[in-house]
Amino acid sequence: YEIKEGDSIDTLSLGMLTNNSIPGLTRALFTQMDEKRYIKYNVSSKVSMQQFFGGVVNRKRLLGVFNGITEDYMIDTSSIVLDPEYIFADVTTCAAALICLPIANAEGTEPDLGAFFKSVVVNAQTDPTEDSDHVAKILNFLNSSSVFSLPGFKKLLDDLRNEPSAPTVTVEVKKIPNGQPSVGALAAPPVQKTAPVH
């Protein structure tokens, strides 16, 4: 981000971002070249949320990113950039890394987190091989109240992360002598002939 002439930097937040590693937030670096000043963020090992949610979105991905966004930060949440292009995710851990832009006169309005989460869930292509119960619970929460409760939503996410996922159905496949696979669970049991009773 190139700092513009009229921008007022929140020096406390900038100091926290440049001097500390805050879980869920991308570390910032303040640089100046001649008259130009920049706040730079290292996202080299991550992909944007837009890319991360571009294909099929499974339970782990959705809950991992949402959990990162709902972290308790010691900074002004109005300075968090709530845009899928500028929210980043670790492909391995599914953890989110947010960009905090510590500019006091940037829009400065509290983001509508409820609308943001709802938009992500509604537009995500959920994994058809998984039980989508978590999606229904998230949408029920977001639709149930006109005022979004961040602590309530965080509790829901924690509960969903701690509950066991629904078991997937597996079918045992056995090899028979001629090499053709047969589905053991679906094979009919052999019919036994019994002699009539006199």
N, C-alpha and C. Protein backbone atom coordinates (compact mmCIF):
# COMPACT_ATOMS: atom_id res chain seq x y z
N TYR A 1 0.86 -1.18 0.00
CA TYR A 1 0.00 0.00 0.00
C TYR A 1 0.89 1.23 0.00
N GLU A 2 0.67 2.13 -0.95
CA GLU A 2 1.42 3.38 -0.97
C GLU A 2 0.67 4.41 -0.14
N ILE A 3 1.35 4.94 0.84
CA ILE A 3 0.73 5.93 1.73
C ILE A 3 0.58 7.25 0.98
N LYS A 4 -0.66 7.73 0.95
CA LYS A 4 -0.96 8.95 0.21
C LYS A 4 -0.73 10.18 1.09
N GLU A 5 -0.71 11.33 0.44
CA GLU A 5 -0.39 12.57 1.14
C GLU A 5 -1.35 12.88 2.28
N GLY A 6 -2.65 12.64 2.07
CA GLY A 6 -3.63 12.97 3.10
C GLY A 6 -3.83 11.89 4.15
N ASP A 7 -3.16 10.74 4.01
CA ASP A 7 -3.36 9.63 4.93
C ASP A 7 -2.81 9.93 6.32
N SER A 8 -3.56 9.52 7.32
CA SER A 8 -3.13 9.67 8.70
C SER A 8 -2.84 8.26 9.25
N ILE A 9 -1.57 7.99 9.54
CA ILE A 9 -1.17 6.64 9.96
C ILE A 9 -1.47 6.44 11.44
N ASP A 10 -2.10 5.31 11.75
CA ASP A 10 -2.32 4.90 13.14
C ASP A 10 -1.00 4.27 13.58
N THR A 11 -0.12 5.09 14.19
CA THR A 11 1.24 4.64 14.50
C THR A 11 1.28 3.52 15.53
N LEU A 12 0.30 3.49 16.44
CA LEU A 12 0.26 2.42 17.44
C LEU A 12 0.01 1.07 16.77
N SER A 13 -1.00 1.02 15.88
CA SER A 13 -1.30 -0.23 15.17
C SER A 13 -0.15 -0.61 14.25
N LEU A 14 0.44 0.37 13.56
CA LEU A 14 1.56 0.08 12.66
C LEU A 14 2.74 -0.49 13.44
N GLY A 15 3.00 0.08 14.61
CA GLY A 15 4.08 -0.43 15.46
C GLY A 15 3.83 -1.86 15.90
N MET A 16 2.57 -2.17 16.25
CA MET A 16 2.23 -3.53 16.66
C MET A 16 2.42 -4.51 15.51
N LEU A 17 2.02 -4.09 14.29
CA LEU A 17 2.11 -4.97 13.12
C LEU A 17 3.54 -5.20 12.66
N THR A 18 4.40 -4.19 12.82
CA THR A 18 5.78 -4.32 12.35
C THR A 18 6.69 -4.98 13.38
N ASN A 19 6.35 -4.87 14.66
CA ASN A 19 7.24 -5.39 15.72
C ASN A 19 6.78 -6.71 16.33
N ASN A 20 5.58 -7.16 16.00
CA ASN A 20 5.04 -8.38 16.62
C ASN A 20 4.51 -9.33 15.56
N SER A 21 4.51 -10.60 15.92
CA SER A 21 3.86 -11.60 15.08
C SER A 21 2.51 -11.88 15.72
N ILE A 22 1.45 -11.35 15.13
CA ILE A 22 0.10 -11.48 15.69
C ILE A 22 -0.63 -12.57 14.92
N PRO A 23 -1.05 -13.65 15.61
CA PRO A 23 -1.75 -14.73 14.90
C PRO A 23 -2.96 -14.20 14.13
N GLY A 24 -3.07 -14.61 12.88
CA GLY A 24 -4.20 -14.20 12.06
C GLY A 24 -3.98 -12.93 11.27
N LEU A 25 -2.93 -12.16 11.62
CA LEU A 25 -2.65 -10.93 10.88
C LEU A 25 -1.31 -11.06 10.15
N THR A 26 -1.25 -10.52 8.94
CA THR A 26 -0.02 -10.55 8.17
C THR A 26 0.92 -9.48 8.70
N ARG A 27 2.17 -9.87 8.95
CA ARG A 27 3.15 -8.93 9.46
C ARG A 27 3.42 -7.83 8.43
N ALA A 28 3.56 -6.61 8.89
CA ALA A 28 3.76 -5.47 7.99
C ALA A 28 5.19 -4.95 8.07
N LEU A 29 5.60 -4.29 7.00
CA LEU A 29 6.92 -3.67 6.94
C LEU A 29 6.72 -2.26 6.39
N PHE A 30 7.23 -1.27 7.12
CA PHE A 30 7.11 0.12 6.68
C PHE A 30 8.40 0.51 5.96
N THR A 31 8.29 0.99 4.72
CA THR A 31 9.49 1.39 3.97
C THR A 31 9.27 2.76 3.34
N GLN A 32 10.41 3.46 3.09
CA GLN A 32 10.35 4.75 2.44
C GLN A 32 11.43 4.81 1.37
N MET A 33 11.02 5.20 0.16
CA MET A 33 11.96 5.38 -0.94
C MET A 33 11.77 6.79 -1.46
N ASP A 34 12.78 7.63 -1.27
CA ASP A 34 12.69 9.05 -1.62
C ASP A 34 11.49 9.66 -0.89
N GLU A 35 10.53 10.18 -1.63
CA GLU A 35 9.36 10.80 -1.00
C GLU A 35 8.22 9.81 -0.78
N LYS A 36 8.34 8.61 -1.35
CA LYS A 36 7.24 7.65 -1.29
C LYS A 36 7.37 6.74 -0.07
N ARG A 37 6.24 6.54 0.59
CA ARG A 37 6.21 5.66 1.77
C ARG A 37 5.24 4.51 1.49
N TYR A 38 5.61 3.31 1.95
CA TYR A 38 4.81 2.11 1.69
C TYR A 38 4.64 1.28 2.96
N ILE A 39 3.51 0.57 3.01
CA ILE A 39 3.34 -0.49 4.01
C ILE A 39 3.28 -1.76 3.18
N LYS A 40 4.22 -2.68 3.41
CA LYS A 40 4.30 -3.91 2.63
C LYS A 40 3.96 -5.10 3.51
N TYR A 41 3.36 -6.12 2.90
CA TYR A 41 2.94 -7.33 3.60
C TYR A 41 3.51 -8.55 2.89
N ASN A 42 4.06 -9.48 3.66
CA ASN A 42 4.63 -10.68 3.06
C ASN A 42 3.58 -11.79 3.05
N VAL A 43 3.07 -12.10 1.85
CA VAL A 43 2.07 -13.16 1.69
C VAL A 43 2.58 -14.22 0.71
N SER A 44 3.91 -14.34 0.63
CA SER A 44 4.52 -15.20 -0.39
C SER A 44 4.13 -16.67 -0.29
N SER A 45 3.87 -17.19 0.89
CA SER A 45 3.54 -18.63 1.00
C SER A 45 2.04 -18.88 1.13
N LYS A 46 1.24 -17.88 0.74
CA LYS A 46 -0.21 -18.01 0.90
C LYS A 46 -0.93 -17.70 -0.42
N VAL A 47 -2.20 -18.09 -0.47
CA VAL A 47 -3.03 -17.75 -1.63
C VAL A 47 -4.20 -16.89 -1.14
N SER A 48 -4.76 -16.12 -2.05
CA SER A 48 -5.89 -15.28 -1.65
C SER A 48 -7.09 -16.16 -1.35
N MET A 49 -7.97 -15.67 -0.50
CA MET A 49 -9.17 -16.41 -0.14
C MET A 49 -10.02 -16.67 -1.38
N GLN A 50 -9.99 -15.74 -2.32
CA GLN A 50 -10.73 -15.89 -3.57
C GLN A 50 -10.25 -17.14 -4.32
N GLN A 51 -8.92 -17.34 -4.38
CA GLN A 51 -8.35 -18.54 -5.02
C GLN A 51 -8.64 -19.78 -4.18
N PHE A 52 -8.46 -19.63 -2.86
CA PHE A 52 -8.61 -20.75 -1.92
C PHE A 52 -10.01 -21.33 -1.96
N PHE A 53 -11.01 -20.46 -2.14
CA PHE A 53 -12.40 -20.89 -2.21
C PHE A 53 -12.89 -20.99 -3.65
N GLY A 54 -11.97 -20.97 -4.61
CA GLY A 54 -12.33 -21.01 -6.02
C GLY A 54 -12.91 -22.33 -6.47
N GLY A 55 -12.48 -23.43 -5.86
CA GLY A 55 -13.00 -24.75 -6.23
C GLY A 55 -13.96 -25.25 -5.17
N VAL A 56 -13.87 -26.55 -4.90
CA VAL A 56 -14.73 -27.16 -3.87
C VAL A 56 -14.19 -26.77 -2.50
N VAL A 57 -15.08 -26.32 -1.63
CA VAL A 57 -14.69 -25.87 -0.29
C VAL A 57 -15.14 -26.91 0.73
N ASN A 58 -14.16 -27.56 1.38
CA ASN A 58 -14.53 -28.55 2.39
C ASN A 58 -14.65 -27.91 3.77
N ARG A 59 -15.10 -28.70 4.71
CA ARG A 59 -15.34 -28.24 6.09
C ARG A 59 -14.09 -27.63 6.71
N LYS A 60 -12.94 -28.30 6.56
CA LYS A 60 -11.69 -27.83 7.17
C LYS A 60 -11.31 -26.46 6.64
N ARG A 61 -11.45 -26.26 5.32
CA ARG A 61 -11.10 -24.96 4.72
C ARG A 61 -12.01 -23.84 5.24
N LEU A 62 -13.31 -24.10 5.20
CA LEU A 62 -14.27 -23.08 5.59
C LEU A 62 -14.09 -22.68 7.06
N LEU A 63 -14.04 -23.67 7.94
CA LEU A 63 -13.92 -23.38 9.37
C LEU A 63 -12.56 -22.78 9.70
N GLY A 64 -11.50 -23.23 9.02
CA GLY A 64 -10.15 -22.70 9.26
C GLY A 64 -10.05 -21.22 8.95
N VAL A 65 -10.55 -20.83 7.79
CA VAL A 65 -10.48 -19.43 7.37
C VAL A 65 -11.41 -18.57 8.24
N PHE A 66 -12.64 -19.04 8.47
CA PHE A 66 -13.58 -18.26 9.29
C PHE A 66 -13.04 -18.07 10.71
N ASN A 67 -12.40 -19.10 11.25
CA ASN A 67 -11.85 -18.99 12.60
C ASN A 67 -10.76 -17.91 12.64
N GLY A 68 -9.93 -17.86 11.59
CA GLY A 68 -8.87 -16.85 11.53
C GLY A 68 -9.43 -15.44 11.46
N ILE A 69 -10.53 -15.28 10.74
CA ILE A 69 -11.13 -13.95 10.60
C ILE A 69 -11.77 -13.49 11.91
N THR A 70 -12.23 -14.42 12.72
CA THR A 70 -12.93 -14.04 13.97
C THR A 70 -11.99 -13.97 15.18
N GLU A 71 -10.68 -14.05 14.95
CA GLU A 71 -9.72 -13.93 16.06
C GLU A 71 -9.96 -12.62 16.82
N ASP A 72 -9.58 -12.61 18.10
CA ASP A 72 -9.67 -11.37 18.89
C ASP A 72 -8.38 -10.58 18.66
N TYR A 73 -8.49 -9.43 18.01
CA TYR A 73 -7.32 -8.61 17.74
C TYR A 73 -7.28 -7.41 18.67
N MET A 74 -6.07 -6.97 18.99
CA MET A 74 -5.92 -5.83 19.90
C MET A 74 -5.86 -4.52 19.11
N ILE A 75 -6.39 -4.53 17.90
CA ILE A 75 -6.35 -3.33 17.07
C ILE A 75 -7.77 -3.01 16.60
N ASP A 76 -7.92 -1.85 16.02
CA ASP A 76 -9.21 -1.38 15.53
C ASP A 76 -9.65 -2.25 14.35
N THR A 77 -10.79 -2.93 14.51
CA THR A 77 -11.24 -3.85 13.45
C THR A 77 -11.67 -3.13 12.18
N SER A 78 -11.92 -1.82 12.27
CA SER A 78 -12.28 -1.09 11.05
C SER A 78 -11.10 -0.97 10.09
N SER A 79 -9.88 -1.25 10.58
CA SER A 79 -8.71 -1.17 9.72
C SER A 79 -8.37 -2.52 9.06
N ILE A 80 -9.18 -3.55 9.34
CA ILE A 80 -9.01 -4.85 8.69
C ILE A 80 -9.60 -4.78 7.28
N VAL A 81 -8.84 -5.24 6.29
CA VAL A 81 -9.32 -5.23 4.90
C VAL A 81 -10.15 -6.49 4.70
N LEU A 82 -11.47 -6.31 4.60
CA LEU A 82 -12.39 -7.45 4.49
C LEU A 82 -12.79 -7.65 3.03
N ASP A 83 -11.82 -8.15 2.25
CA ASP A 83 -12.02 -8.36 0.82
C ASP A 83 -11.36 -9.69 0.48
N PRO A 84 -12.11 -10.65 -0.13
CA PRO A 84 -11.54 -11.96 -0.44
C PRO A 84 -10.24 -11.93 -1.25
N GLU A 85 -10.00 -10.83 -1.97
CA GLU A 85 -8.75 -10.70 -2.72
C GLU A 85 -7.58 -10.40 -1.81
N TYR A 86 -7.87 -9.81 -0.63
CA TYR A 86 -6.81 -9.40 0.29
C TYR A 86 -6.87 -10.11 1.64
N ILE A 87 -7.59 -11.22 1.68
CA ILE A 87 -7.53 -12.13 2.83
C ILE A 87 -6.77 -13.34 2.30
N PHE A 88 -5.77 -13.78 3.03
CA PHE A 88 -4.91 -14.85 2.52
C PHE A 88 -5.03 -16.09 3.39
N ALA A 89 -4.78 -17.25 2.77
CA ALA A 89 -4.91 -18.51 3.50
C ALA A 89 -3.69 -19.39 3.25
N ASP A 90 -3.32 -20.12 4.29
CA ASP A 90 -2.26 -21.11 4.19
C ASP A 90 -2.90 -22.39 3.66
N VAL A 91 -2.43 -22.87 2.53
CA VAL A 91 -3.04 -24.04 1.89
C VAL A 91 -2.93 -25.28 2.78
N THR A 92 -1.84 -25.42 3.52
CA THR A 92 -1.63 -26.61 4.36
C THR A 92 -2.50 -26.60 5.61
N THR A 93 -2.48 -25.49 6.35
CA THR A 93 -3.19 -25.44 7.64
C THR A 93 -4.61 -24.88 7.53
N CYS A 94 -4.93 -24.24 6.41
CA CYS A 94 -6.21 -23.56 6.19
C CYS A 94 -6.40 -22.34 7.09
N ALA A 95 -5.31 -21.86 7.69
CA ALA A 95 -5.40 -20.68 8.56
C ALA A 95 -5.44 -19.42 7.72
N ALA A 96 -6.22 -18.44 8.18
CA ALA A 96 -6.34 -17.17 7.47
C ALA A 96 -5.32 -16.17 7.97
N ALA A 97 -4.88 -15.30 7.07
CA ALA A 97 -3.99 -14.20 7.42
C ALA A 97 -4.62 -12.93 6.83
N LEU A 98 -4.97 -12.02 7.73
CA LEU A 98 -5.66 -10.80 7.30
C LEU A 98 -4.67 -9.64 7.14
N ILE A 99 -5.07 -8.69 6.31
CA ILE A 99 -4.30 -7.47 6.13
C ILE A 99 -4.94 -6.39 7.00
N CYS A 100 -4.10 -5.78 7.85
CA CYS A 100 -4.56 -4.65 8.64
C CYS A 100 -3.90 -3.41 8.04
N LEU A 101 -4.71 -2.46 7.60
CA LEU A 101 -4.19 -1.24 7.01
C LEU A 101 -4.36 -0.12 8.04
N PRO A 102 -3.28 0.20 8.77
CA PRO A 102 -3.41 1.17 9.88
C PRO A 102 -3.43 2.63 9.42
N ILE A 103 -4.43 2.94 8.62
CA ILE A 103 -4.61 4.31 8.15
C ILE A 103 -5.88 4.84 8.81
N ALA A 104 -5.73 5.83 9.65
CA ALA A 104 -6.84 6.32 10.46
C ALA A 104 -8.00 6.86 9.63
N ASN A 105 -7.71 7.43 8.46
CA ASN A 105 -8.81 8.01 7.68
C ASN A 105 -9.26 7.13 6.52
N ALA A 106 -8.79 5.89 6.48
CA ALA A 106 -9.32 4.94 5.49
C ALA A 106 -10.76 4.71 5.92
N GLU A 107 -11.63 4.40 5.02
CA GLU A 107 -13.08 4.36 5.23
C GLU A 107 -13.52 4.48 6.69
N GLY A 108 -12.84 3.77 7.60
CA GLY A 108 -13.09 3.96 9.02
C GLY A 108 -14.41 3.44 9.53
N THR A 109 -15.16 2.72 8.73
CA THR A 109 -16.43 2.19 9.19
C THR A 109 -16.25 0.73 9.59
N GLU A 110 -17.00 0.32 10.58
CA GLU A 110 -16.94 -1.08 11.01
C GLU A 110 -17.45 -1.98 9.88
N PRO A 111 -16.68 -3.01 9.53
CA PRO A 111 -17.15 -3.90 8.46
C PRO A 111 -18.37 -4.71 8.90
N ASP A 112 -19.26 -5.02 7.97
CA ASP A 112 -20.43 -5.84 8.26
C ASP A 112 -20.02 -7.31 8.14
N LEU A 113 -19.54 -7.86 9.25
CA LEU A 113 -19.02 -9.23 9.24
C LEU A 113 -20.10 -10.25 8.91
N GLY A 114 -21.30 -10.04 9.44
CA GLY A 114 -22.39 -10.99 9.18
C GLY A 114 -22.67 -11.12 7.69
N ALA A 115 -22.77 -9.98 7.00
CA ALA A 115 -23.03 -10.00 5.55
C ALA A 115 -21.86 -10.62 4.80
N PHE A 116 -20.65 -10.35 5.28
CA PHE A 116 -19.45 -10.90 4.63
C PHE A 116 -19.45 -12.43 4.71
N PHE A 117 -19.65 -12.97 5.92
CA PHE A 117 -19.64 -14.44 6.10
C PHE A 117 -20.77 -15.09 5.30
N LYS A 118 -21.93 -14.45 5.31
CA LYS A 118 -23.07 -15.01 4.59
C LYS A 118 -22.78 -15.09 3.09
N SER A 119 -22.19 -14.03 2.56
CA SER A 119 -21.85 -13.98 1.14
C SER A 119 -20.86 -15.09 0.77
N VAL A 120 -19.87 -15.32 1.64
CA VAL A 120 -18.87 -16.37 1.39
C VAL A 120 -19.54 -17.75 1.37
N VAL A 121 -20.38 -18.03 2.38
CA VAL A 121 -21.03 -19.35 2.49
C VAL A 121 -21.97 -19.60 1.32
N VAL A 122 -22.76 -18.58 0.97
CA VAL A 122 -23.74 -18.74 -0.11
C VAL A 122 -23.05 -18.97 -1.45
N ASN A 123 -21.91 -18.34 -1.68
CA ASN A 123 -21.20 -18.45 -2.96
C ASN A 123 -20.21 -19.60 -3.02
N ALA A 124 -19.93 -20.24 -1.88
CA ALA A 124 -18.96 -21.34 -1.86
C ALA A 124 -19.57 -22.61 -2.45
N GLN A 125 -18.74 -23.37 -3.16
CA GLN A 125 -19.17 -24.67 -3.70
C GLN A 125 -18.74 -25.72 -2.68
N THR A 126 -19.69 -26.18 -1.86
CA THR A 126 -19.35 -27.10 -0.78
C THR A 126 -19.04 -28.50 -1.33
N ASP A 127 -18.26 -29.22 -0.54
CA ASP A 127 -17.83 -30.56 -0.94
C ASP A 127 -19.02 -31.53 -0.88
N PRO A 128 -19.40 -32.11 -2.03
CA PRO A 128 -20.57 -33.00 -2.03
C PRO A 128 -20.33 -34.33 -1.31
N THR A 129 -19.07 -34.68 -1.05
CA THR A 129 -18.78 -35.94 -0.35
C THR A 129 -18.88 -35.79 1.16
N GLU A 130 -19.05 -34.56 1.63
CA GLU A 130 -19.14 -34.32 3.08
C GLU A 130 -20.58 -34.03 3.50
N ASP A 131 -20.84 -34.26 4.78
CA ASP A 131 -22.11 -33.86 5.37
C ASP A 131 -22.05 -32.33 5.50
N SER A 132 -23.03 -31.63 4.95
CA SER A 132 -22.97 -30.16 4.97
C SER A 132 -23.73 -29.56 6.15
N ASP A 133 -23.82 -30.29 7.23
CA ASP A 133 -24.51 -29.83 8.44
C ASP A 133 -23.90 -28.52 8.96
N HIS A 134 -22.56 -28.38 8.86
CA HIS A 134 -21.89 -27.18 9.35
C HIS A 134 -22.35 -25.93 8.58
N VAL A 135 -22.60 -26.09 7.28
CA VAL A 135 -23.06 -24.96 6.45
C VAL A 135 -24.44 -24.53 6.90
N ALA A 136 -25.33 -25.50 7.14
CA ALA A 136 -26.69 -25.19 7.60
C ALA A 136 -26.66 -24.46 8.94
N LYS A 137 -25.79 -24.91 9.86
CA LYS A 137 -25.70 -24.27 11.19
C LYS A 137 -25.18 -22.84 11.08
N ILE A 138 -24.19 -22.62 10.20
CA ILE A 138 -23.65 -21.27 10.02
C ILE A 138 -24.72 -20.35 9.43
N LEU A 139 -25.42 -20.81 8.40
CA LEU A 139 -26.47 -19.98 7.78
C LEU A 139 -27.62 -19.72 8.75
N ASN A 140 -28.00 -20.73 9.57
CA ASN A 140 -29.05 -20.53 10.58
C ASN A 140 -28.65 -19.43 11.54
N PHE A 141 -27.38 -19.46 11.98
CA PHE A 141 -26.89 -18.44 12.92
C PHE A 141 -26.96 -17.05 12.27
N LEU A 142 -26.46 -16.96 11.02
CA LEU A 142 -26.39 -15.67 10.35
C LEU A 142 -27.77 -15.11 10.01
N ASN A 143 -28.75 -15.99 9.78
CA ASN A 143 -30.11 -15.55 9.45
C ASN A 143 -30.99 -15.30 10.67
N SER A 144 -30.56 -15.80 11.83
CA SER A 144 -31.43 -15.77 13.01
C SER A 144 -31.51 -14.42 13.71
N SER A 145 -30.53 -13.55 13.44
CA SER A 145 -30.54 -12.27 14.16
C SER A 145 -30.21 -11.13 13.21
N SER A 146 -30.83 -9.98 13.46
CA SER A 146 -30.56 -8.81 12.61
C SER A 146 -29.22 -8.18 12.97
N VAL A 147 -28.77 -8.41 14.21
CA VAL A 147 -27.48 -7.86 14.65
C VAL A 147 -26.49 -9.02 14.80
N PHE A 148 -25.38 -8.94 14.07
CA PHE A 148 -24.37 -9.99 14.10
C PHE A 148 -23.59 -9.95 15.40
N SER A 149 -23.45 -11.11 16.04
CA SER A 149 -22.68 -11.21 17.30
C SER A 149 -21.38 -11.96 17.02
N LEU A 150 -20.26 -11.24 17.07
CA LEU A 150 -18.97 -11.88 16.82
C LEU A 150 -18.64 -12.95 17.88
N PRO A 151 -18.84 -12.66 19.18
CA PRO A 151 -18.56 -13.71 20.18
C PRO A 151 -19.44 -14.95 19.97
N GLY A 152 -20.71 -14.74 19.62
CA GLY A 152 -21.62 -15.86 19.38
C GLY A 152 -21.19 -16.68 18.18
N PHE A 153 -20.76 -15.99 17.13
CA PHE A 153 -20.32 -16.67 15.90
C PHE A 153 -19.04 -17.45 16.17
N LYS A 154 -18.13 -16.84 16.94
CA LYS A 154 -16.87 -17.51 17.27
C LYS A 154 -17.15 -18.79 18.07
N LYS A 155 -18.12 -18.73 18.99
CA LYS A 155 -18.47 -19.91 19.78
C LYS A 155 -19.02 -21.01 18.88
N LEU A 156 -19.88 -20.63 17.92
CA LEU A 156 -20.43 -21.60 16.97
C LEU A 156 -19.29 -22.27 16.19
N LEU A 157 -18.33 -21.47 15.69
CA LEU A 157 -17.21 -22.04 14.93
C LEU A 157 -16.38 -22.99 15.79
N ASP A 158 -16.14 -22.60 17.05
CA ASP A 158 -15.38 -23.47 17.96
C ASP A 158 -16.12 -24.78 18.19
N ASP A 159 -17.44 -24.70 18.38
CA ASP A 159 -18.25 -25.91 18.57
C ASP A 159 -18.18 -26.80 17.33
N LEU A 160 -18.28 -26.20 16.15
CA LEU A 160 -18.23 -26.98 14.91
C LEU A 160 -16.86 -27.63 14.70
N ARG A 161 -15.81 -26.90 15.07
CA ARG A 161 -14.45 -27.45 14.91
C ARG A 161 -14.21 -28.61 15.88
N ASN A 162 -14.85 -28.55 17.03
CA ASN A 162 -14.63 -29.59 18.05
C ASN A 162 -15.53 -30.81 17.89
N GLU A 163 -16.63 -30.66 17.15
CA GLU A 163 -17.52 -31.82 17.01
C GLU A 163 -16.95 -32.73 15.92
N PRO A 164 -17.10 -34.05 16.10
CA PRO A 164 -16.57 -34.96 15.08
C PRO A 164 -17.33 -34.81 13.77
N SER A 165 -16.60 -34.93 12.68
CA SER A 165 -17.25 -34.86 11.35
C SER A 165 -18.09 -36.10 11.17
N ALA A 166 -19.10 -35.99 10.36
CA ALA A 166 -19.95 -37.15 10.08
C ALA A 166 -19.12 -38.22 9.37
N PRO A 167 -19.31 -39.48 9.75
CA PRO A 167 -18.51 -40.54 9.13
C PRO A 167 -18.86 -40.69 7.65
N THR A 168 -17.84 -41.02 6.86
CA THR A 168 -18.10 -41.26 5.44
C THR A 168 -18.37 -42.74 5.25
N VAL A 169 -19.19 -43.06 4.27
CA VAL A 169 -19.56 -44.46 4.01
C VAL A 169 -18.46 -45.10 3.17
N THR A 170 -17.94 -46.22 3.65
CA THR A 170 -16.92 -46.93 2.88
C THR A 170 -17.43 -48.32 2.54
N VAL A 171 -17.08 -48.78 1.36
CA VAL A 171 -17.49 -50.11 0.91
C VAL A 171 -16.24 -50.93 0.69
N GLU A 172 -16.22 -52.13 1.26
CA GLU A 172 -15.04 -52.99 1.14
C GLU A 172 -15.03 -53.65 -0.24
N VAL A 173 -13.89 -53.52 -0.94
CA VAL A 173 -13.76 -54.12 -2.25
C VAL A 173 -12.77 -55.28 -2.15
N LYS A 174 -13.19 -56.48 -2.57
CA LYS A 174 -12.34 -57.67 -2.49
C LYS A 174 -11.95 -58.13 -3.90
N LYS A 175 -10.77 -58.73 -4.01
CA LYS A 175 -10.34 -59.31 -5.29
C LYS A 175 -10.71 -60.79 -5.28
N ILE A 176 -11.29 -61.25 -6.38
CA ILE A 176 -11.59 -62.67 -6.48
C ILE A 176 -10.60 -63.30 -7.47
N PRO A 177 -10.46 -64.62 -7.47
CA PRO A 177 -9.40 -65.27 -8.24
C PRO A 177 -9.18 -64.80 -9.67
N ASN A 178 -10.21 -64.48 -10.43
CA ASN A 178 -9.99 -64.07 -11.82
C ASN A 178 -9.51 -62.62 -11.95
N GLY A 179 -9.29 -61.96 -10.80
CA GLY A 179 -8.74 -60.61 -10.80
C GLY A 179 -9.77 -59.50 -10.87
N GLN A 180 -11.04 -59.83 -11.06
CA GLN A 180 -12.09 -58.82 -11.14
C GLN A 180 -12.48 -58.39 -9.72
N PRO A 181 -12.59 -57.09 -9.49
CA PRO A 181 -13.02 -56.68 -8.14
C PRO A 181 -14.50 -56.97 -7.94
N SER A 182 -14.83 -57.32 -6.72
CA SER A 182 -16.25 -57.50 -6.40
C SER A 182 -16.52 -56.73 -5.12
N VAL A 183 -17.68 -56.16 -5.03
CA VAL A 183 -18.02 -55.38 -3.84
C VAL A 183 -18.55 -56.33 -2.79
N GLY A 184 -17.69 -56.59 -1.78
CA GLY A 184 -18.01 -57.59 -0.76
C GLY A 184 -19.25 -57.24 0.04
N ALA A 185 -19.43 -55.93 0.33
CA ALA A 185 -20.56 -55.55 1.17
C ALA A 185 -21.90 -55.73 0.45
N LEU A 186 -21.86 -55.75 -0.88
CA LEU A 186 -23.11 -55.85 -1.61
C LEU A 186 -23.37 -57.25 -2.17
N ALA A 187 -22.40 -58.17 -2.03
CA ALA A 187 -22.56 -59.52 -2.59
C ALA A 187 -23.60 -60.30 -1.80
N ALA A 188 -24.44 -61.04 -2.51
CA ALA A 188 -25.47 -61.84 -1.84
C ALA A 188 -24.81 -63.04 -1.17
N PRO A 189 -25.27 -63.44 0.03
CA PRO A 189 -24.69 -64.60 0.69
C PRO A 189 -25.02 -65.87 -0.10
N PRO A 190 -24.13 -66.87 -0.07
CA PRO A 190 -24.41 -68.11 -0.81
C PRO A 190 -25.67 -68.82 -0.27
N VAL A 191 -26.47 -69.38 -1.17
CA VAL A 191 -27.70 -70.07 -0.78
C VAL A 191 -27.34 -71.51 -0.41
N GLN A 192 -27.76 -71.90 0.79
CA GLN A 192 -27.47 -73.28 1.24
C GLN A 192 -28.69 -74.16 0.99
N LYS A 193 -28.46 -75.30 0.35
CA LYS A 193 -29.57 -76.24 0.09
C LYS A 193 -29.74 -77.16 1.29
N THR A 194 -30.96 -77.28 1.72
CA THR A 194 -31.22 -78.16 2.86
C THR A 194 -32.17 -79.29 2.40
N ALA A 195 -31.95 -80.45 2.98
CA ALA A 195 -32.80 -81.60 2.65
C ALA A 195 -34.15 -81.42 3.31
N PRO A 196 -35.24 -81.79 2.66
CA PRO A 196 -36.56 -81.63 3.28
C PRO A 196 -36.65 -82.50 4.54
N VAL A 197 -37.34 -82.01 5.53
CA VAL A 197 -37.50 -82.73 6.81
C VAL A 197 -38.73 -83.61 6.71
N HIS A 198 -38.61 -84.94 7.12
CA HIS A 198 -39.75 -85.87 7.08
C HIS A 198 -40.31 -86.07 8.45
